[in-house]
Amino acid sequence: MITIKCAQCKRKIFKYKKIGKGRVLRCYKDRIVRYYPVRDRQNMQCLCGQIIGIDEGKWIKMKQNAFEYKGRIIK
């Protein structure tokens, strides 16, 4: 379970079940456990105005320098 945070203001965006190794390029919506308050969920825009990712249907395509994550990755 990892927590995705905004790189600019350090607010929590959502909790995600990351499976396997590698970078977080896209987050599948069925693995998102909890959403925290955001300004626009379609563009995953933080309350500070930073766009974290873009909704692509089944997943969210993440912008690499817009977020940071912390937690344990499931192997």
C-alpha atoms as a PDB file:
ATOM      1  CA  MET A   1       0.000   0.000   0.000  1.00  0.00           C
ATOM      2  CA  ILE A   2       1.462   3.354  -0.995  1.00  0.00           C
ATOM      3  CA  THR A   3       0.262   6.900  -0.402  1.00  0.00           C
ATOM      4  CA  ILE A   4       0.455   9.297  -3.367  1.00  0.00           C
ATOM      5  CA  LYS A   5       1.188  12.898  -2.318  1.00  0.00           C
ATOM      6  CA  CYS A   6       1.445  16.186  -4.197  1.00  0.00           C
ATOM      7  CA  ALA A   7       5.091  17.132  -4.783  1.00  0.00           C
ATOM      8  CA  GLN A   8       4.356  20.825  -4.379  1.00  0.00           C
ATOM      9  CA  CYS A   9       2.301  21.056  -1.182  1.00  0.00           C
ATOM     10  CA  LYS A  10       2.736  17.480   0.240  1.00  0.00           C
ATOM     11  CA  ARG A  11      -1.045  16.869   0.567  1.00  0.00           C
ATOM     12  CA  LYS A  12      -2.300  13.298   0.316  1.00  0.00           C
ATOM     13  CA  ILE A  13      -4.101  12.527  -2.961  1.00  0.00           C
ATOM     14  CA  PHE A  14      -5.004   8.823  -2.647  1.00  0.00           C
ATOM     15  CA  LYS A  15      -3.938   5.438  -1.254  1.00  0.00           C
ATOM     16  CA  TYR A  16      -3.031   2.829  -3.863  1.00  0.00           C
ATOM     17  CA  LYS A  17      -2.252  -0.902  -3.921  1.00  0.00           C
ATOM     18  CA  LYS A  18       1.006  -1.049  -5.894  1.00  0.00           C
ATOM     19  CA  ILE A  19       1.790  -4.540  -7.166  1.00  0.00           C
ATOM     20  CA  GLY A  20       5.219  -5.375  -8.528  1.00  0.00           C
ATOM     21  CA  LYS A  21       8.335  -3.342  -8.931  1.00  0.00           C
ATOM     22  CA  GLY A  22       8.900  -0.389 -11.180  1.00  0.00           C
ATOM     23  CA  ARG A  23       7.819   3.212 -11.412  1.00  0.00           C
ATOM     24  CA  VAL A  24       4.282   4.473 -10.965  1.00  0.00           C
ATOM     25  CA  LEU A  25       3.300   5.336 -14.543  1.00  0.00           C
ATOM     26  CA  ARG A  26      -0.402   4.631 -14.277  1.00  0.00           C
ATOM     27  CA  CYS A  27      -2.681   3.900 -11.352  1.00  0.00           C
ATOM     28  CA  TYR A  28      -5.562   1.524 -12.008  1.00  0.00           C
ATOM     29  CA  LYS A  29      -8.806   2.790 -10.481  1.00  0.00           C
ATOM     30  CA  ASP A  30      -9.818  -0.590  -9.052  1.00  0.00           C
ATOM     31  CA  ARG A  31      -6.626  -0.605  -6.915  1.00  0.00           C
ATOM     32  CA  ILE A  32      -7.249   2.844  -5.400  1.00  0.00           C
ATOM     33  CA  VAL A  33      -8.347   2.239  -1.828  1.00  0.00           C
ATOM     34  CA  ARG A  34      -9.083   5.757  -0.596  1.00  0.00           C
ATOM     35  CA  TYR A  35      -9.397   9.185  -2.201  1.00  0.00           C
ATOM     36  CA  TYR A  36      -8.498  12.328  -0.298  1.00  0.00           C
ATOM     37  CA  PRO A  37     -10.044  15.727  -1.219  1.00  0.00           C
ATOM     38  CA  VAL A  38      -8.925  16.999  -4.639  1.00  0.00           C
ATOM     39  CA  ARG A  39     -10.034  19.977  -6.715  1.00  0.00           C
ATOM     40  CA  ASP A  40     -10.803  18.047  -9.931  1.00  0.00           C
ATOM     41  CA  ARG A  41     -10.948  14.250  -9.936  1.00  0.00           C
ATOM     42  CA  GLN A  42     -10.966  13.915 -13.742  1.00  0.00           C
ATOM     43  CA  ASN A  43      -7.569  15.605 -14.006  1.00  0.00           C
ATOM     44  CA  MET A  44      -6.496  14.577 -10.465  1.00  0.00           C
ATOM     45  CA  GLN A  45      -5.756  18.181  -9.597  1.00  0.00           C
ATOM     46  CA  CYS A  46      -4.603  18.890  -6.059  1.00  0.00           C
ATOM     47  CA  LEU A  47      -6.139  21.652  -3.955  1.00  0.00           C
ATOM     48  CA  CYS A  48      -3.006  23.769  -4.591  1.00  0.00           C
ATOM     49  CA  GLY A  49      -3.599  23.603  -8.376  1.00  0.00           C
ATOM     50  CA  GLN A  50      -0.935  21.025  -9.328  1.00  0.00           C
ATOM     51  CA  ILE A  51      -2.144  18.417 -11.861  1.00  0.00           C
ATOM     52  CA  ILE A  52      -1.065  14.976 -10.622  1.00  0.00           C
ATOM     53  CA  GLY A  53      -2.493  12.812 -13.423  1.00  0.00           C
ATOM     54  CA  ILE A  54      -5.102  12.544 -16.168  1.00  0.00           C
ATOM     55  CA  ASP A  55      -8.083  10.173 -16.171  1.00  0.00           C
ATOM     56  CA  GLU A  56      -7.780   7.686 -19.058  1.00  0.00           C
ATOM     57  CA  GLY A  57     -10.805   5.474 -18.328  1.00  0.00           C
ATOM     58  CA  LYS A  58      -9.623   2.362 -16.445  1.00  0.00           C
ATOM     59  CA  TRP A  59      -6.505   4.069 -15.107  1.00  0.00           C
ATOM     60  CA  ILE A  60      -5.003   7.436 -14.264  1.00  0.00           C
ATOM     61  CA  LYS A  61      -1.912   8.408 -16.258  1.00  0.00           C
ATOM     62  CA  MET A  62       0.452   9.978 -13.742  1.00  0.00           C
ATOM     63  CA  LYS A  63       2.734  12.991 -14.331  1.00  0.00           C
ATOM     64  CA  GLN A  64       6.144  11.912 -13.036  1.00  0.00           C
ATOM     65  CA  ASN A  65       7.390  15.105 -11.356  1.00  0.00           C
ATOM     66  CA  ALA A  66       4.022  16.142  -9.940  1.00  0.00           C
ATOM     67  CA  PHE A  67       3.768  13.547  -7.156  1.00  0.00           C
ATOM     68  CA  GLU A  68       5.751  11.511  -4.688  1.00  0.00           C
ATOM     69  CA  TYR A  69       4.853   8.309  -2.905  1.00  0.00           C
ATOM     70  CA  LYS A  70       5.708   6.507   0.274  1.00  0.00           C
ATOM     71  CA  GLY A  71       4.819   3.083   1.602  1.00  0.00           C
ATOM     72  CA  ARG A  72       5.340  -0.594   0.980  1.00  0.00           C
ATOM     73  CA  ILE A  73       5.053  -2.217  -2.448  1.00  0.00           C
ATOM     74  CA  ILE A  74       3.414  -5.661  -2.640  1.00  0.00           C
ATOM     75  CA  LYS A  75       5.595  -8.313  -4.364  1.00  0.00           C
END
